[in-house]
Amino acid sequence: MAAEPKPEILAAFQAAKGFMPVREGLALHAAATEAAALGLPLLEVGTYCGRSTVLLAAAARDAGVTALTVDHHRGSEEQQPGWEYHDPSVVDPEIGLMDTLPTFRRTLHRAGLEDHVVALVGRSPQVAAVWGGQLGFVFIDGGHTDEHANGDYEGWAPKVADGGLLVIHDVFPDPADGGQAPYRVHRRALASGAFTEISVTDSLRVLRRTGTGI
């Protein structure tokens, strides 16, 4: 049976600002719990306000590893003013730009998980370029343009250890359901020969590192 988050963790996840549905969140937590058994850090790209981070941090805490989360905290393209997912409550009133970092920190504090997360504030390719270690788990949920999705994949997928997991969110085979960049990255990962898909939950895809052909 897949590991489920404790009730207080699930409540913190549901209370946090963000977009991930519960079914996908449960699948994410189960994958993170499995990958954490490798004893390596868990990493997500695309923190936003910490909704999914709560689940990764809980899995990391239970396994005695660290969760890492990468975001510049200025919002992705679809979160800017005038776009569908813009939220004025996370705009810094002094400079007029989005800043989700304070909300993210409050999310972790309320969940009691601050000590189990390292927040890496910066753009994903820049952070990946200076991260030299292996990871047991990489969750790609950042910007949804081809440039950003491919940059996240190219920067982080090679760092997934043998047997580790690569998780991709918002994979929609039908263009009518959503943007296609994560879907194309998902197909790219499978075509590389380095990853094998092991589960599908709505738009969440879980792949295991089984080869070296990235």
C-alpha atoms as a PDB file:
ATOM      1  CA  MET A   1       0.000   0.000   0.000  1.00  0.00           C
ATOM      2  CA  ALA A   2       1.346   3.441  -0.929  1.00  0.00           C
ATOM      3  CA  ALA A   3       2.474   5.616   1.957  1.00  0.00           C
ATOM      4  CA  GLU A   4      -0.023   8.317   2.792  1.00  0.00           C
ATOM      5  CA  PRO A   5       0.790  11.593   4.559  1.00  0.00           C
ATOM      6  CA  LYS A   6      -0.189  12.012   8.188  1.00  0.00           C
ATOM      7  CA  PRO A   7      -3.520  13.832   8.675  1.00  0.00           C
ATOM      8  CA  GLU A   8      -1.819  17.028   9.850  1.00  0.00           C
ATOM      9  CA  ILE A   9       0.427  17.043   6.769  1.00  0.00           C
ATOM     10  CA  LEU A  10      -2.503  16.496   4.428  1.00  0.00           C
ATOM     11  CA  ALA A  11      -4.351  19.330   6.176  1.00  0.00           C
ATOM     12  CA  ALA A  12      -1.356  21.653   5.777  1.00  0.00           C
ATOM     13  CA  PHE A  13      -1.131  20.739   2.093  1.00  0.00           C
ATOM     14  CA  GLN A  14      -4.813  21.440   1.519  1.00  0.00           C
ATOM     15  CA  ALA A  15      -4.617  24.749   3.401  1.00  0.00           C
ATOM     16  CA  ALA A  16      -1.634  26.004   1.400  1.00  0.00           C
ATOM     17  CA  LYS A  17      -1.982  28.312  -1.575  1.00  0.00           C
ATOM     18  CA  GLY A  18      -1.371  26.453  -4.819  1.00  0.00           C
ATOM     19  CA  PHE A  19      -2.825  24.403  -7.626  1.00  0.00           C
ATOM     20  CA  MET A  20      -2.071  20.705  -7.086  1.00  0.00           C
ATOM     21  CA  PRO A  21      -5.180  18.526  -6.590  1.00  0.00           C
ATOM     22  CA  VAL A  22      -5.294  16.082  -3.686  1.00  0.00           C
ATOM     23  CA  ARG A  23      -5.122  12.922  -5.848  1.00  0.00           C
ATOM     24  CA  GLU A  24      -1.956  14.103  -7.502  1.00  0.00           C
ATOM     25  CA  GLY A  25      -0.576  15.262  -4.166  1.00  0.00           C
ATOM     26  CA  LEU A  26      -1.055  11.814  -2.664  1.00  0.00           C
ATOM     27  CA  ALA A  27       0.742  10.249  -5.641  1.00  0.00           C
ATOM     28  CA  LEU A  28       3.552  12.782  -5.277  1.00  0.00           C
ATOM     29  CA  HIS A  29       3.970  11.996  -1.587  1.00  0.00           C
ATOM     30  CA  ALA A  30       4.019   8.253  -2.282  1.00  0.00           C
ATOM     31  CA  ALA A  31       6.706   8.686  -4.927  1.00  0.00           C
ATOM     32  CA  ALA A  32       8.781  10.948  -2.658  1.00  0.00           C
ATOM     33  CA  THR A  33       8.503   8.447   0.184  1.00  0.00           C
ATOM     34  CA  GLU A  34       9.716   5.629  -2.059  1.00  0.00           C
ATOM     35  CA  ALA A  35      12.600   7.682  -3.451  1.00  0.00           C
ATOM     36  CA  ALA A  36      13.659   8.927  -0.009  1.00  0.00           C
ATOM     37  CA  ALA A  37      14.637   5.367   0.879  1.00  0.00           C
ATOM     38  CA  LEU A  38      17.696   5.853  -1.349  1.00  0.00           C
ATOM     39  CA  GLY A  39      19.053   8.224   1.299  1.00  0.00           C
ATOM     40  CA  LEU A  40      19.556  11.097  -1.141  1.00  0.00           C
ATOM     41  CA  PRO A  41      17.944  14.562  -1.221  1.00  0.00           C
ATOM     42  CA  LEU A  42      14.559  15.166  -2.819  1.00  0.00           C
ATOM     43  CA  LEU A  43      14.259  18.192  -5.114  1.00  0.00           C
ATOM     44  CA  GLU A  44      11.401  20.080  -6.697  1.00  0.00           C
ATOM     45  CA  VAL A  45      11.553  22.769  -9.359  1.00  0.00           C
ATOM     46  CA  GLY A  46       8.728  25.280  -8.916  1.00  0.00           C
ATOM     47  CA  THR A  47       8.072  26.103  -5.271  1.00  0.00           C
ATOM     48  CA  TYR A  48       5.394  28.788  -5.639  1.00  0.00           C
ATOM     49  CA  CYS A  49       3.841  29.031  -2.140  1.00  0.00           C
ATOM     50  CA  GLY A  50       4.913  25.606  -0.879  1.00  0.00           C
ATOM     51  CA  ARG A  51       1.803  23.467  -1.351  1.00  0.00           C
ATOM     52  CA  SER A  52       3.665  20.490  -2.831  1.00  0.00           C
ATOM     53  CA  THR A  53       6.763  21.248  -0.765  1.00  0.00           C
ATOM     54  CA  VAL A  54       4.826  20.266   2.351  1.00  0.00           C
ATOM     55  CA  LEU A  55       4.441  16.732   1.005  1.00  0.00           C
ATOM     56  CA  LEU A  56       8.074  16.418  -0.070  1.00  0.00           C
ATOM     57  CA  ALA A  57       9.310  17.806   3.235  1.00  0.00           C
ATOM     58  CA  ALA A  58       7.187  15.343   5.208  1.00  0.00           C
ATOM     59  CA  ALA A  59       8.564  12.428   3.184  1.00  0.00           C
ATOM     60  CA  ALA A  60      12.102  13.766   3.625  1.00  0.00           C
ATOM     61  CA  ARG A  61      11.645  14.227   7.370  1.00  0.00           C
ATOM     62  CA  ASP A  62      10.347  10.688   7.820  1.00  0.00           C
ATOM     63  CA  ALA A  63      13.343   9.255   5.937  1.00  0.00           C
ATOM     64  CA  GLY A  64      15.992  11.496   7.506  1.00  0.00           C
ATOM     65  CA  VAL A  65      16.921  13.223   4.248  1.00  0.00           C
ATOM     66  CA  THR A  66      16.537  16.814   3.023  1.00  0.00           C
ATOM     67  CA  ALA A  67      14.011  18.340   0.651  1.00  0.00           C
ATOM     68  CA  LEU A  68      15.305  21.014  -1.725  1.00  0.00           C
ATOM     69  CA  THR A  69      13.056  23.417  -3.585  1.00  0.00           C
ATOM     70  CA  VAL A  70      14.106  25.735  -6.423  1.00  0.00           C
ATOM     71  CA  ASP A  71      12.272  28.904  -7.478  1.00  0.00           C
ATOM     72  CA  HIS A  72      13.065  32.533  -8.244  1.00  0.00           C
ATOM     73  CA  HIS A  73       9.749  33.403  -6.522  1.00  0.00           C
ATOM     74  CA  ARG A  74       8.801  36.035  -9.114  1.00  0.00           C
ATOM     75  CA  GLY A  75       6.083  33.831 -10.591  1.00  0.00           C
ATOM     76  CA  SER A  76       5.904  31.893 -13.825  1.00  0.00           C
ATOM     77  CA  GLU A  77       4.566  33.354 -17.059  1.00  0.00           C
ATOM     78  CA  GLU A  78       0.932  32.400 -16.408  1.00  0.00           C
ATOM     79  CA  GLN A  79       1.032  34.015 -12.943  1.00  0.00           C
ATOM     80  CA  GLN A  80       1.884  37.522 -14.128  1.00  0.00           C
ATOM     81  CA  PRO A  81      -0.676  40.393 -14.082  1.00  0.00           C
ATOM     82  CA  GLY A  82      -3.394  39.917 -16.656  1.00  0.00           C
ATOM     83  CA  TRP A  83      -2.968  36.140 -16.842  1.00  0.00           C
ATOM     84  CA  GLU A  84      -5.263  33.386 -15.574  1.00  0.00           C
ATOM     85  CA  TYR A  85      -3.313  32.380 -12.477  1.00  0.00           C
ATOM     86  CA  HIS A  86      -2.299  35.810 -11.236  1.00  0.00           C
ATOM     87  CA  ASP A  87      -2.817  36.352  -7.508  1.00  0.00           C
ATOM     88  CA  PRO A  88      -2.480  40.000  -6.382  1.00  0.00           C
ATOM     89  CA  SER A  89      -2.041  38.910  -2.760  1.00  0.00           C
ATOM     90  CA  VAL A  90       1.503  37.701  -3.502  1.00  0.00           C
ATOM     91  CA  VAL A  91       2.684  40.897  -5.182  1.00  0.00           C
ATOM     92  CA  ASP A  92       5.306  42.888  -3.257  1.00  0.00           C
ATOM     93  CA  PRO A  93       3.617  46.306  -2.808  1.00  0.00           C
ATOM     94  CA  GLU A  94       6.946  48.119  -2.623  1.00  0.00           C
ATOM     95  CA  ILE A  95       8.387  46.988  -5.950  1.00  0.00           C
ATOM     96  CA  GLY A  96       5.248  45.793  -7.739  1.00  0.00           C
ATOM     97  CA  LEU A  97       6.613  42.341  -8.588  1.00  0.00           C
ATOM     98  CA  MET A  98       5.436  38.949  -7.457  1.00  0.00           C
ATOM     99  CA  ASP A  99       7.206  37.566  -4.408  1.00  0.00           C
ATOM    100  CA  THR A 100       5.924  34.196  -3.226  1.00  0.00           C
ATOM    101  CA  LEU A 101       8.852  33.590  -0.862  1.00  0.00           C
ATOM    102  CA  PRO A 102       7.192  35.061   2.283  1.00  0.00           C
ATOM    103  CA  THR A 103       4.035  33.015   1.690  1.00  0.00           C
ATOM    104  CA  PHE A 104       6.132  29.900   1.129  1.00  0.00           C
ATOM    105  CA  ARG A 105       7.956  30.438   4.423  1.00  0.00           C
ATOM    106  CA  ARG A 106       4.668  30.847   6.270  1.00  0.00           C
ATOM    107  CA  THR A 107       3.417  27.614   4.688  1.00  0.00           C
ATOM    108  CA  LEU A 108       6.412  25.660   5.997  1.00  0.00           C
ATOM    109  CA  HIS A 109       6.208  27.292   9.417  1.00  0.00           C
ATOM    110  CA  ARG A 110       2.555  26.397   9.829  1.00  0.00           C
ATOM    111  CA  ALA A 111       3.297  22.818   8.817  1.00  0.00           C
ATOM    112  CA  GLY A 112       6.224  22.558  11.248  1.00  0.00           C
ATOM    113  CA  LEU A 113       8.603  21.600   8.426  1.00  0.00           C
ATOM    114  CA  GLU A 114      11.060  24.489   8.200  1.00  0.00           C
ATOM    115  CA  ASP A 115      13.969  22.387   9.469  1.00  0.00           C
ATOM    116  CA  HIS A 116      13.562  19.811   6.707  1.00  0.00           C
ATOM    117  CA  VAL A 117      13.688  22.066   3.638  1.00  0.00           C
ATOM    118  CA  VAL A 118      16.453  24.020   1.927  1.00  0.00           C
ATOM    119  CA  ALA A 119      14.984  26.780  -0.245  1.00  0.00           C
ATOM    120  CA  LEU A 120      17.184  27.571  -3.254  1.00  0.00           C
ATOM    121  CA  VAL A 121      16.177  31.005  -4.513  1.00  0.00           C
ATOM    122  CA  GLY A 122      17.232  31.463  -8.111  1.00  0.00           C
ATOM    123  CA  ARG A 123      16.535  30.362 -11.655  1.00  0.00           C
ATOM    124  CA  SER A 124      16.536  26.631 -12.163  1.00  0.00           C
ATOM    125  CA  PRO A 125      19.332  26.361 -14.809  1.00  0.00           C
ATOM    126  CA  GLN A 126      21.648  28.540 -12.724  1.00  0.00           C
ATOM    127  CA  VAL A 127      21.054  26.485  -9.581  1.00  0.00           C
ATOM    128  CA  ALA A 128      21.428  23.197 -11.481  1.00  0.00           C
ATOM    129  CA  ALA A 129      24.753  24.369 -12.886  1.00  0.00           C
ATOM    130  CA  VAL A 130      26.243  24.647  -9.385  1.00  0.00           C
ATOM    131  CA  TRP A 131      24.622  21.556  -7.880  1.00  0.00           C
ATOM    132  CA  GLY A 132      27.129  18.726  -8.135  1.00  0.00           C
ATOM    133  CA  GLY A 133      25.504  15.929  -6.161  1.00  0.00           C
ATOM    134  CA  GLN A 134      23.067  13.163  -7.022  1.00  0.00           C
ATOM    135  CA  LEU A 135      19.393  13.267  -6.138  1.00  0.00           C
ATOM    136  CA  GLY A 136      16.969  10.510  -5.300  1.00  0.00           C
ATOM    137  CA  PHE A 137      14.003  12.415  -6.635  1.00  0.00           C
ATOM    138  CA  VAL A 138      13.369  15.337  -8.988  1.00  0.00           C
ATOM    139  CA  PHE A 139       9.907  16.900  -9.381  1.00  0.00           C
ATOM    140  CA  ILE A 140       9.560  19.197 -12.403  1.00  0.00           C
ATOM    141  CA  ASP A 141       6.737  21.694 -11.899  1.00  0.00           C
ATOM    142  CA  GLY A 142       8.204  25.026 -12.931  1.00  0.00           C
ATOM    143  CA  GLY A 143       7.531  27.265 -15.917  1.00  0.00           C
ATOM    144  CA  HIS A 144       5.396  25.695 -18.635  1.00  0.00           C
ATOM    145  CA  THR A 145       7.032  27.145 -21.740  1.00  0.00           C
ATOM    146  CA  ASP A 146       9.249  24.856 -23.809  1.00  0.00           C
ATOM    147  CA  GLU A 147      12.263  26.943 -22.841  1.00  0.00           C
ATOM    148  CA  HIS A 148      11.662  26.568 -19.118  1.00  0.00           C
ATOM    149  CA  ALA A 149      10.466  22.949 -19.120  1.00  0.00           C
ATOM    150  CA  ASN A 150      13.404  21.810 -21.237  1.00  0.00           C
ATOM    151  CA  GLY A 151      15.808  23.837 -19.132  1.00  0.00           C
ATOM    152  CA  ASP A 152      14.517  22.140 -15.982  1.00  0.00           C
ATOM    153  CA  TYR A 153      14.816  18.704 -17.571  1.00  0.00           C
ATOM    154  CA  GLU A 154      18.293  19.312 -18.960  1.00  0.00           C
ATOM    155  CA  GLY A 155      19.522  20.793 -15.699  1.00  0.00           C
ATOM    156  CA  TRP A 156      18.141  18.249 -13.258  1.00  0.00           C
ATOM    157  CA  ALA A 157      17.267  14.924 -14.928  1.00  0.00           C
ATOM    158  CA  PRO A 158      20.943  13.919 -15.318  1.00  0.00           C
ATOM    159  CA  LYS A 159      21.348  14.307 -11.546  1.00  0.00           C
ATOM    160  CA  VAL A 160      18.715  11.647 -10.713  1.00  0.00           C
ATOM    161  CA  ALA A 161      20.562   8.641  -9.256  1.00  0.00           C
ATOM    162  CA  ASP A 162      20.159   5.134 -10.630  1.00  0.00           C
ATOM    163  CA  GLY A 163      16.830   3.854  -9.308  1.00  0.00           C
ATOM    164  CA  GLY A 164      15.711   7.358  -8.394  1.00  0.00           C
ATOM    165  CA  LEU A 165      12.509   8.998  -9.583  1.00  0.00           C
ATOM    166  CA  LEU A 166      11.734  11.800 -12.025  1.00  0.00           C
ATOM    167  CA  VAL A 167       8.229  13.223 -11.579  1.00  0.00           C
ATOM    168  CA  ILE A 168       6.654  15.578 -14.113  1.00  0.00           C
ATOM    169  CA  HIS A 169       3.490  17.572 -13.438  1.00  0.00           C
ATOM    170  CA  ASP A 170       0.860  18.952 -15.822  1.00  0.00           C
ATOM    171  CA  VAL A 171       1.405  16.342 -18.533  1.00  0.00           C
ATOM    172  CA  PHE A 172      -1.558  16.684 -20.909  1.00  0.00           C
ATOM    173  CA  PRO A 173      -1.473  14.516 -24.058  1.00  0.00           C
ATOM    174  CA  ASP A 174      -4.524  16.382 -25.375  1.00  0.00           C
ATOM    175  CA  PRO A 175      -3.758  20.072 -26.104  1.00  0.00           C
ATOM    176  CA  ALA A 176      -7.362  20.903 -25.187  1.00  0.00           C
ATOM    177  CA  ASP A 177      -6.568  20.011 -21.564  1.00  0.00           C
ATOM    178  CA  GLY A 178      -3.479  22.166 -21.062  1.00  0.00           C
ATOM    179  CA  GLY A 179      -0.119  23.380 -22.311  1.00  0.00           C
ATOM    180  CA  GLN A 180       2.115  20.927 -24.107  1.00  0.00           C
ATOM    181  CA  ALA A 181       5.616  21.717 -22.836  1.00  0.00           C
ATOM    182  CA  PRO A 182       5.522  19.273 -19.875  1.00  0.00           C
ATOM    183  CA  TYR A 183       4.065  16.610 -22.178  1.00  0.00           C
ATOM    184  CA  ARG A 184       6.924  17.083 -24.625  1.00  0.00           C
ATOM    185  CA  VAL A 185       9.460  16.839 -21.796  1.00  0.00           C
ATOM    186  CA  HIS A 186       7.755  13.656 -20.599  1.00  0.00           C
ATOM    187  CA  ARG A 187       8.057  12.165 -24.095  1.00  0.00           C
ATOM    188  CA  ARG A 188      11.670  13.317 -24.265  1.00  0.00           C
ATOM    189  CA  ALA A 189      12.483  11.559 -20.979  1.00  0.00           C
ATOM    190  CA  LEU A 190      10.966   8.299 -22.187  1.00  0.00           C
ATOM    191  CA  ALA A 191      12.683   8.540 -25.563  1.00  0.00           C
ATOM    192  CA  SER A 192      16.067   9.052 -23.869  1.00  0.00           C
ATOM    193  CA  GLY A 193      16.118   5.449 -22.676  1.00  0.00           C
ATOM    194  CA  ALA A 194      17.157   6.639 -19.224  1.00  0.00           C
ATOM    195  CA  PHE A 195      13.692   6.554 -17.661  1.00  0.00           C
ATOM    196  CA  THR A 196      10.838   4.074 -17.422  1.00  0.00           C
ATOM    197  CA  GLU A 197       7.337   5.213 -16.506  1.00  0.00           C
ATOM    198  CA  ILE A 198       6.007   3.509 -13.378  1.00  0.00           C
ATOM    199  CA  SER A 199       2.784   5.393 -12.576  1.00  0.00           C
ATOM    200  CA  VAL A 200       0.231   7.849 -13.943  1.00  0.00           C
ATOM    201  CA  THR A 201      -2.150   9.862 -11.747  1.00  0.00           C
ATOM    202  CA  ASP A 202      -4.154  12.366 -13.761  1.00  0.00           C
ATOM    203  CA  SER A 203      -1.505  14.823 -15.034  1.00  0.00           C
ATOM    204  CA  LEU A 204       1.286  13.491 -12.780  1.00  0.00           C
ATOM    205  CA  ARG A 205       3.837  11.101 -14.298  1.00  0.00           C
ATOM    206  CA  VAL A 206       6.380   9.137 -12.248  1.00  0.00           C
ATOM    207  CA  LEU A 207       9.441   7.741 -14.031  1.00  0.00           C
ATOM    208  CA  ARG A 208      12.297   5.661 -12.666  1.00  0.00           C
ATOM    209  CA  ARG A 209      15.943   6.135 -13.696  1.00  0.00           C
ATOM    210  CA  THR A 210      16.913   2.849 -15.311  1.00  0.00           C
ATOM    211  CA  GLY A 211      19.553   3.886 -17.823  1.00  0.00           C
ATOM    212  CA  THR A 212      22.214   6.429 -18.728  1.00  0.00           C
ATOM    213  CA  GLY A 213      21.074   7.802 -22.089  1.00  0.00           C
ATOM    214  CA  ILE A 214      20.222  11.399 -21.172  1.00  0.00           C
END
